C-alpha atoms as a PDB file:
ATOM      1  CA  UNK A   1     -17.872   0.235   7.506  1.00  0.00           C
ATOM      2  CA  UNK A   2     -18.083  -3.463   8.373  1.00  0.00           C
ATOM      3  CA  UNK A   3     -15.233  -4.991   6.365  1.00  0.00           C
ATOM      4  CA  UNK A   4     -12.845  -4.803   9.343  1.00  0.00           C
ATOM      5  CA  UNK A   5     -15.074  -4.683  12.418  1.00  0.00           C
ATOM      6  CA  UNK A   6     -13.285  -3.432  15.486  1.00  0.00           C
ATOM      7  CA  UNK A   7     -10.608  -1.580  13.511  1.00  0.00           C
ATOM      8  CA  UNK A   8     -10.309   2.169  12.969  1.00  0.00           C
ATOM      9  CA  UNK A   9      -8.905   2.639   9.440  1.00  0.00           C
ATOM     10  CA  UNK A  10      -7.590   6.104  10.236  1.00  0.00           C
ATOM     11  CA  UNK A  11      -5.762   4.831  13.327  1.00  0.00           C
ATOM     12  CA  UNK A  12      -4.230   2.081  11.193  1.00  0.00           C
ATOM     13  CA  UNK A  13      -3.182   4.671   8.600  1.00  0.00           C
ATOM     14  CA  UNK A  14      -1.587   6.820  11.318  1.00  0.00           C
ATOM     15  CA  UNK A  15       0.265   3.829  12.798  1.00  0.00           C
ATOM     16  CA  UNK A  16       1.728   2.715   9.468  1.00  0.00           C
ATOM     17  CA  UNK A  17       2.814   6.267   8.625  1.00  0.00           C
ATOM     18  CA  UNK A  18       4.414   6.698  12.057  1.00  0.00           C
ATOM     19  CA  UNK A  19       6.341   3.434  11.718  1.00  0.00           C
ATOM     20  CA  UNK A  20       7.770   4.510   8.361  1.00  0.00           C
ATOM     21  CA  UNK A  21       8.499   8.031   9.599  1.00  0.00           C
ATOM     22  CA  UNK A  22      10.495   6.721  12.564  1.00  0.00           C
ATOM     23  CA  UNK A  23      12.433   4.340  10.359  1.00  0.00           C
ATOM     24  CA  UNK A  24      13.243   6.854   7.626  1.00  0.00           C
ATOM     25  CA  UNK A  25      14.240   9.416  10.251  1.00  0.00           C
ATOM     26  CA  UNK A  26      16.819   6.981  11.663  1.00  0.00           C
ATOM     27  CA  UNK A  27      18.657   6.312   8.385  1.00  0.00           C
ATOM     28  CA  UNK A  28      22.018   7.756   7.453  1.00  0.00           C
ATOM     29  CA  UNK A  29      24.458   7.563   4.569  1.00  0.00           C
ATOM     30  CA  UNK A  30      24.641   4.272   2.733  1.00  0.00           C
ATOM     31  CA  UNK A  31      21.521   2.867   4.429  1.00  0.00           C
ATOM     32  CA  UNK A  32      19.457   4.878   1.955  1.00  0.00           C
ATOM     33  CA  UNK A  33      21.083   3.051  -0.964  1.00  0.00           C
ATOM     34  CA  UNK A  34      20.309  -0.460   0.203  1.00  0.00           C
ATOM     35  CA  UNK A  35      18.154  -2.390  -2.292  1.00  0.00           C
ATOM     36  CA  UNK A  36      14.494  -2.848  -1.432  1.00  0.00           C
ATOM     37  CA  UNK A  37      12.150  -5.661  -2.431  1.00  0.00           C
ATOM     38  CA  UNK A  38      10.903  -3.405  -5.267  1.00  0.00           C
ATOM     39  CA  UNK A  39      12.925  -4.397  -8.308  1.00  0.00           C
ATOM     40  CA  UNK A  40      15.464  -1.688  -9.197  1.00  0.00           C
ATOM     41  CA  UNK A  41      14.522   0.557  -6.282  1.00  0.00           C
ATOM     42  CA  UNK A  42      16.662   1.428  -3.282  1.00  0.00           C
ATOM     43  CA  UNK A  43      15.270   2.422   0.110  1.00  0.00           C
ATOM     44  CA  UNK A  44      15.655   6.030  -1.026  1.00  0.00           C
ATOM     45  CA  UNK A  45      13.649   5.302  -4.172  1.00  0.00           C
ATOM     46  CA  UNK A  46      10.792   3.837  -2.140  1.00  0.00           C
ATOM     47  CA  UNK A  47      10.636   7.055  -0.123  1.00  0.00           C
ATOM     48  CA  UNK A  48      10.620   9.059  -3.381  1.00  0.00           C
ATOM     49  CA  UNK A  49       7.734   6.914  -4.641  1.00  0.00           C
ATOM     50  CA  UNK A  50       5.750   7.516  -1.458  1.00  0.00           C
ATOM     51  CA  UNK A  51       6.390  11.263  -1.638  1.00  0.00           C
ATOM     52  CA  UNK A  52       5.380  11.421  -5.283  1.00  0.00           C
ATOM     53  CA  UNK A  53       2.161   9.473  -5.006  1.00  0.00           C
ATOM     54  CA  UNK A  54       0.802  11.951  -2.471  1.00  0.00           C
ATOM     55  CA  UNK A  55      -0.034  14.137  -5.487  1.00  0.00           C
ATOM     56  CA  UNK A  56      -2.651  11.556  -6.464  1.00  0.00           C
ATOM     57  CA  UNK A  57      -3.942  11.302  -2.889  1.00  0.00           C
ATOM     58  CA  UNK A  58      -4.417  15.052  -2.725  1.00  0.00           C
ATOM     59  CA  UNK A  59      -6.113  15.113  -6.129  1.00  0.00           C
ATOM     60  CA  UNK A  60      -8.649  12.604  -4.790  1.00  0.00           C
ATOM     61  CA  UNK A  61      -9.243  14.788  -1.736  1.00  0.00           C
ATOM     62  CA  UNK A  62      -9.567  17.870  -3.944  1.00  0.00           C
ATOM     63  CA  UNK A  63     -11.924  16.083  -6.385  1.00  0.00           C
ATOM     64  CA  UNK A  64      -9.501  17.161  -9.119  1.00  0.00           C
ATOM     65  CA  UNK A  65      -8.406  14.012 -10.925  1.00  0.00           C
ATOM     66  CA  UNK A  66      -8.897  15.796 -14.252  1.00  0.00           C
ATOM     67  CA  UNK A  67      -6.296  18.339 -13.167  1.00  0.00           C
ATOM     68  CA  UNK A  68      -4.014  15.565 -11.914  1.00  0.00           C
ATOM     69  CA  UNK A  69      -4.079  13.665 -15.210  1.00  0.00           C
ATOM     70  CA  UNK A  70      -3.666  16.902 -17.187  1.00  0.00           C
ATOM     71  CA  UNK A  71      -0.547  17.607 -15.098  1.00  0.00           C
ATOM     72  CA  UNK A  72       0.787  14.116 -15.884  1.00  0.00           C
ATOM     73  CA  UNK A  73       0.274  14.716 -19.600  1.00  0.00           C
ATOM     74  CA  UNK A  74       2.169  18.003 -19.366  1.00  0.00           C
ATOM     75  CA  UNK A  75       5.020  16.101 -17.696  1.00  0.00           C
ATOM     76  CA  UNK A  76       4.922  13.512 -20.502  1.00  0.00           C
ATOM     77  CA  UNK A  77       3.778  10.743 -18.174  1.00  0.00           C
ATOM     78  CA  UNK A  78       1.411   8.158 -19.653  1.00  0.00           C
ATOM     79  CA  UNK A  79      -2.102   8.253 -18.237  1.00  0.00           C
ATOM     80  CA  UNK A  80      -2.702   4.503 -18.570  1.00  0.00           C
ATOM     81  CA  UNK A  81      -2.093   2.855 -15.204  1.00  0.00           C
ATOM     82  CA  UNK A  82       0.296   4.159 -12.590  1.00  0.00           C
ATOM     83  CA  UNK A  83       3.515   2.264 -13.362  1.00  0.00           C
ATOM     84  CA  UNK A  84       5.048   5.049 -15.436  1.00  0.00           C
ATOM     85  CA  UNK A  85       3.893   7.676 -12.932  1.00  0.00           C
ATOM     86  CA  UNK A  86       5.570   5.739 -10.108  1.00  0.00           C
ATOM     87  CA  UNK A  87       8.841   5.520 -12.043  1.00  0.00           C
ATOM     88  CA  UNK A  88       8.625   9.221 -12.883  1.00  0.00           C
ATOM     89  CA  UNK A  89       8.145  10.109  -9.193  1.00  0.00           C
ATOM     90  CA  UNK A  90      11.339   8.225  -8.370  1.00  0.00           C
ATOM     91  CA  UNK A  91      13.349   9.437 -11.360  1.00  0.00           C
ATOM     92  CA  UNK A  92      12.599  13.140 -10.853  1.00  0.00           C
ATOM     93  CA  UNK A  93      13.773  12.973  -7.221  1.00  0.00           C
ATOM     94  CA  UNK A  94      17.035  11.118  -7.799  1.00  0.00           C
ATOM     95  CA  UNK A  95      19.137  14.300  -7.581  1.00  0.00           C
ATOM     96  CA  UNK A  96      17.184  15.795  -4.693  1.00  0.00           C
ATOM     97  CA  UNK A  97      18.659  15.686  -1.158  1.00  0.00           C
ATOM     98  CA  UNK A  98      17.027  12.864   0.743  1.00  0.00           C
ATOM     99  CA  UNK A  99      16.182  15.086   3.710  1.00  0.00           C
ATOM    100  CA  UNK A 100      14.067  17.229   1.368  1.00  0.00           C
ATOM    101  CA  UNK A 101      12.235  14.168   0.049  1.00  0.00           C
ATOM    102  CA  UNK A 102      11.549  13.007   3.594  1.00  0.00           C
ATOM    103  CA  UNK A 103      10.239  16.439   4.569  1.00  0.00           C
ATOM    104  CA  UNK A 104       8.031  16.475   1.457  1.00  0.00           C
ATOM    105  CA  UNK A 105       6.530  13.079   2.262  1.00  0.00           C
ATOM    106  CA  UNK A 106       6.016  13.881   5.937  1.00  0.00           C
ATOM    107  CA  UNK A 107       4.117  17.077   5.213  1.00  0.00           C
ATOM    108  CA  UNK A 108       2.039  15.715   2.339  1.00  0.00           C
ATOM    109  CA  UNK A 109       1.151  12.456   4.081  1.00  0.00           C
ATOM    110  CA  UNK A 110       0.203  14.240   7.301  1.00  0.00           C
ATOM    111  CA  UNK A 111      -2.159  16.446   5.296  1.00  0.00           C
ATOM    112  CA  UNK A 112      -3.660  13.396   3.584  1.00  0.00           C
ATOM    113  CA  UNK A 113      -4.298  11.644   6.896  1.00  0.00           C
ATOM    114  CA  UNK A 114      -5.806  14.731   8.515  1.00  0.00           C
ATOM    115  CA  UNK A 115      -8.144  15.423   5.613  1.00  0.00           C
ATOM    116  CA  UNK A 116      -9.199  11.772   5.359  1.00  0.00           C
ATOM    117  CA  UNK A 117     -10.259  11.855   9.019  1.00  0.00           C
ATOM    118  CA  UNK A 118     -12.339  14.951   8.346  1.00  0.00           C
ATOM    119  CA  UNK A 119     -14.203  13.066   5.621  1.00  0.00           C
ATOM    120  CA  UNK A 120     -15.081  10.280   8.051  1.00  0.00           C
ATOM    121  CA  UNK A 121     -15.262   6.609   7.177  1.00  0.00           C
ATOM    122  CA  UNK A 122     -18.420   6.995   5.080  1.00  0.00           C
ATOM    123  CA  UNK A 123     -17.324  10.206   3.364  1.00  0.00           C
ATOM    124  CA  UNK A 124     -16.915   9.800  -0.388  1.00  0.00           C
ATOM    125  CA  UNK A 125     -13.697  10.511  -2.268  1.00  0.00           C
ATOM    126  CA  UNK A 126     -13.316  10.771  -6.018  1.00  0.00           C
ATOM    127  CA  UNK A 127     -10.721   8.162  -7.044  1.00  0.00           C
ATOM    128  CA  UNK A 128      -9.482   6.770 -10.333  1.00  0.00           C
ATOM    129  CA  UNK A 129     -11.835   3.819  -9.731  1.00  0.00           C
ATOM    130  CA  UNK A 130     -14.805   6.129  -9.110  1.00  0.00           C
ATOM    131  CA  UNK A 131     -16.475   7.412  -5.919  1.00  0.00           C
ATOM    132  CA  UNK A 132     -15.168   5.484  -2.916  1.00  0.00           C
ATOM    133  CA  UNK A 133     -15.577   5.612   0.896  1.00  0.00           C
ATOM    134  CA  UNK A 134     -12.747   7.380   2.706  1.00  0.00           C
ATOM    135  CA  UNK A 135     -12.513   4.646   5.332  1.00  0.00           C
ATOM    136  CA  UNK A 136     -11.823   1.972   2.747  1.00  0.00           C
ATOM    137  CA  UNK A 137      -9.452   4.258   0.878  1.00  0.00           C
ATOM    138  CA  UNK A 138      -7.529   4.762   4.127  1.00  0.00           C
ATOM    139  CA  UNK A 139      -7.109   0.988   4.340  1.00  0.00           C
ATOM    140  CA  UNK A 140      -5.804   0.857   0.776  1.00  0.00           C
ATOM    141  CA  UNK A 141      -3.293   3.576   1.648  1.00  0.00           C
ATOM    142  CA  UNK A 142      -2.404   1.739   4.869  1.00  0.00           C
ATOM    143  CA  UNK A 143      -1.795  -1.468   2.937  1.00  0.00           C
ATOM    144  CA  UNK A 144       0.466   0.444   0.562  1.00  0.00           C
ATOM    145  CA  UNK A 145       2.498   1.890   3.440  1.00  0.00           C
ATOM    146  CA  UNK A 146       2.707  -1.453   5.242  1.00  0.00           C
ATOM    147  CA  UNK A 147       3.850  -3.230   2.083  1.00  0.00           C
ATOM    148  CA  UNK A 148       6.581  -0.699   1.387  1.00  0.00           C
ATOM    149  CA  UNK A 149       7.617  -0.725   5.044  1.00  0.00           C
ATOM    150  CA  UNK A 150       8.227  -4.452   4.654  1.00  0.00           C
ATOM    151  CA  UNK A 151       9.977  -3.799   1.341  1.00  0.00           C
ATOM    152  CA  UNK A 152      12.590  -1.622   3.028  1.00  0.00           C
ATOM    153  CA  UNK A 153      12.939  -3.668   6.211  1.00  0.00           C
ATOM    154  CA  UNK A 154      11.104  -1.527   8.744  1.00  0.00           C
ATOM    155  CA  UNK A 155      11.151  -3.419  12.064  1.00  0.00           C
ATOM    156  CA  UNK A 156       7.842  -4.374  13.655  1.00  0.00           C
ATOM    157  CA  UNK A 157       7.766  -5.320  17.320  1.00  0.00           C
ATOM    158  CA  UNK A 158       6.370  -8.749  18.268  1.00  0.00           C
ATOM    159  CA  UNK A 159       3.592  -6.967  20.147  1.00  0.00           C
ATOM    160  CA  UNK A 160       2.489  -5.183  16.980  1.00  0.00           C
ATOM    161  CA  UNK A 161       3.026  -7.974  14.480  1.00  0.00           C
ATOM    162  CA  UNK A 162       0.004 -10.133  15.254  1.00  0.00           C
ATOM    163  CA  UNK A 163      -2.619  -7.384  15.015  1.00  0.00           C
ATOM    164  CA  UNK A 164      -0.884  -5.856  12.007  1.00  0.00           C
ATOM    165  CA  UNK A 165      -0.932  -9.177  10.155  1.00  0.00           C
ATOM    166  CA  UNK A 166      -4.529  -9.772  11.195  1.00  0.00           C
ATOM    167  CA  UNK A 167      -5.922  -6.551   9.760  1.00  0.00           C
ATOM    168  CA  UNK A 168      -3.877  -6.965   6.596  1.00  0.00           C
ATOM    169  CA  UNK A 169      -5.180 -10.512   6.110  1.00  0.00           C
ATOM    170  CA  UNK A 170      -8.754  -9.321   6.655  1.00  0.00           C
ATOM    171  CA  UNK A 171      -8.264  -6.491   4.192  1.00  0.00           C
ATOM    172  CA  UNK A 172      -6.628  -8.788   1.628  1.00  0.00           C
ATOM    173  CA  UNK A 173      -9.664 -11.082   1.795  1.00  0.00           C
ATOM    174  CA  UNK A 174     -11.922  -8.037   1.370  1.00  0.00           C
ATOM    175  CA  UNK A 175      -9.917  -6.807  -1.631  1.00  0.00           C
ATOM    176  CA  UNK A 176     -10.315 -10.183  -3.342  1.00  0.00           C
ATOM    177  CA  UNK A 177     -14.089  -9.965  -2.865  1.00  0.00           C
ATOM    178  CA  UNK A 178     -14.153  -6.341  -3.962  1.00  0.00           C
ATOM    179  CA  UNK A 179     -12.434  -7.255  -7.214  1.00  0.00           C
ATOM    180  CA  UNK A 180     -14.703 -10.275  -7.727  1.00  0.00           C
ATOM    181  CA  UNK A 181     -11.743 -12.637  -7.800  1.00  0.00           C
ATOM    182  CA  UNK A 182     -13.104 -16.214  -8.049  1.00  0.00           C
ATOM    183  CA  UNK A 183     -11.079 -17.386  -5.050  1.00  0.00           C
ATOM    184  CA  UNK A 184     -12.526 -19.091  -2.014  1.00  0.00           C
ATOM    185  CA  UNK A 185     -10.897 -17.786   1.179  1.00  0.00           C
ATOM    186  CA  UNK A 186     -11.423 -19.307   4.600  1.00  0.00           C
ATOM    187  CA  UNK A 187      -9.624 -17.786   7.580  1.00  0.00           C
ATOM    188  CA  UNK A 188      -9.420 -19.876  10.745  1.00  0.00           C
ATOM    189  CA  UNK A 189      -7.085 -20.062  13.739  1.00  0.00           C
ATOM    190  CA  UNK A 190      -4.329 -17.956  12.179  1.00  0.00           C
ATOM    191  CA  UNK A 191      -4.336 -19.908   8.901  1.00  0.00           C
ATOM    192  CA  UNK A 192      -5.927 -19.105   5.548  1.00  0.00           C
ATOM    193  CA  UNK A 193      -7.263 -21.764   3.204  1.00  0.00           C
ATOM    194  CA  UNK A 194      -7.518 -20.617  -0.427  1.00  0.00           C
ATOM    195  CA  UNK A 195      -9.015 -22.415  -3.413  1.00  0.00           C
ATOM    196  CA  UNK A 196      -9.250 -21.585  -7.120  1.00  0.00           C
ATOM    197  CA  UNK A 197     -10.318 -23.892  -9.966  1.00  0.00           C
ATOM    198  CA  UNK A 198      -9.584 -27.048  -8.016  1.00  0.00           C
ATOM    199  CA  UNK A 199      -6.245 -25.810  -6.722  1.00  0.00           C
ATOM    200  CA  UNK A 200      -5.907 -25.452  -2.963  1.00  0.00           C
ATOM    201  CA  UNK A 201      -3.338 -24.111  -0.538  1.00  0.00           C
ATOM    202  CA  UNK A 202      -3.201 -23.450   3.170  1.00  0.00           C
ATOM    203  CA  UNK A 203      -1.158 -20.402   4.125  1.00  0.00           C
ATOM    204  CA  UNK A 204      -0.221 -18.673   7.320  1.00  0.00           C
ATOM    205  CA  UNK A 205      -1.847 -15.253   7.657  1.00  0.00           C
ATOM    206  CA  UNK A 206       1.586 -13.735   7.005  1.00  0.00           C
ATOM    207  CA  UNK A 207       2.034 -15.648   3.745  1.00  0.00           C
ATOM    208  CA  UNK A 208      -1.530 -14.858   2.679  1.00  0.00           C
ATOM    209  CA  UNK A 209      -0.778 -11.150   3.153  1.00  0.00           C
ATOM    210  CA  UNK A 210       2.436 -11.573   1.159  1.00  0.00           C
ATOM    211  CA  UNK A 211       0.435 -13.223  -1.626  1.00  0.00           C
ATOM    212  CA  UNK A 212      -2.205 -10.472  -1.750  1.00  0.00           C
ATOM    213  CA  UNK A 213       0.499  -7.796  -2.112  1.00  0.00           C
ATOM    214  CA  UNK A 214       2.349  -9.843  -4.745  1.00  0.00           C
ATOM    215  CA  UNK A 215       5.394 -10.544  -2.574  1.00  0.00           C
ATOM    216  CA  UNK A 216       5.068 -14.292  -1.907  1.00  0.00           C
ATOM    217  CA  UNK A 217       7.986 -16.158  -3.427  1.00  0.00           C
ATOM    218  CA  UNK A 218       7.841 -19.278  -5.560  1.00  0.00           C
ATOM    219  CA  UNK A 219       9.343 -21.280  -2.696  1.00  0.00           C
ATOM    220  CA  UNK A 220       5.938 -21.110  -1.001  1.00  0.00           C
ATOM    221  CA  UNK A 221       4.850 -23.871  -3.399  1.00  0.00           C
ATOM    222  CA  UNK A 222       1.531 -22.261  -4.291  1.00  0.00           C
ATOM    223  CA  UNK A 223       0.312 -23.057  -7.835  1.00  0.00           C
ATOM    224  CA  UNK A 224       1.193 -20.186 -10.170  1.00  0.00           C
ATOM    225  CA  UNK A 225      -2.385 -19.592 -11.321  1.00  0.00           C
ATOM    226  CA  UNK A 226      -3.616 -19.432  -7.718  1.00  0.00           C
ATOM    227  CA  UNK A 227      -0.756 -17.114  -6.747  1.00  0.00           C
ATOM    228  CA  UNK A 228      -1.622 -14.783  -9.640  1.00  0.00           C
ATOM    229  CA  UNK A 229      -5.262 -14.723  -8.585  1.00  0.00           C
ATOM    230  CA  UNK A 230      -4.342 -13.798  -4.997  1.00  0.00           C
ATOM    231  CA  UNK A 231      -2.196 -10.842  -6.125  1.00  0.00           C
ATOM    232  CA  UNK A 232      -4.759  -8.051  -5.698  1.00  0.00           C
ATOM    233  CA  UNK A 233      -3.066  -5.202  -3.803  1.00  0.00           C
ATOM    234  CA  UNK A 234       0.021  -4.478  -5.927  1.00  0.00           C
END
C-alpha cells in the first residue's frame, strides 16, 4: 500500500482506538451528556454510534453483508445509505447503561482491529462498496475514529498532533482521488492548496482535514461549492 508511505494503517487504527478508549474511560456523570459536534448527539450518543457500527465492520470481516442487510430489514432500518442505521444504533442504546455500551464497543472494536491485522494490508474485505484492501479500510476506520474523537473533545498532545494531522491530510487527499473528485490538491510545507472550477483556497493541514470530514465552518471563507467538493469522508 503506497497511499501513505511510512505509515502502518493498523498502528494508526490502534492509536485512535486507544485515545478514544482512554477518554471514554475517564468520563463520569454529566460529562456523557455534553453535546458533540454531531448535530443532536451527545458524547454518549457518539459512543453508541461507534458501538453500533461495529456490526457492519464485523459483517465485512465475515463476508456476510447479505446477512447484515437482512438483519437491518428485520429491524425496520432502511437499507439505503447508513444515516438511518446510525440513528437506530444510537436510539436503541439510549436506555442502556453507558458502562455496558463502552464495554460493548471496547470488545467489538478490539476484535475488528485484531482481525484486520490478520488480513494484512493487501488482504481483501467485502464492503458495501465492493472488495477492498484491509489496509485502506483500516485507514477509513481510523479517520472515522479520529473525526469522532474531535467531535467529543478528546485531547491530543502536541507531540501527537502534527503526525496525526499529517496522516489525516494525506488520507483526505487520497480519498478525494479515490472518489474521482475533480479537485486539484497540492500539499506543501504544512499548507494545502485546493482548486475546483476556478475557485482556489489555501488551507492549513488542520483545516484541510476538517474540510474532508465535513467539519470546516463557514468562517473559513472557502467557497461553498469547493467546500462541498472537499467533503469526502463524512
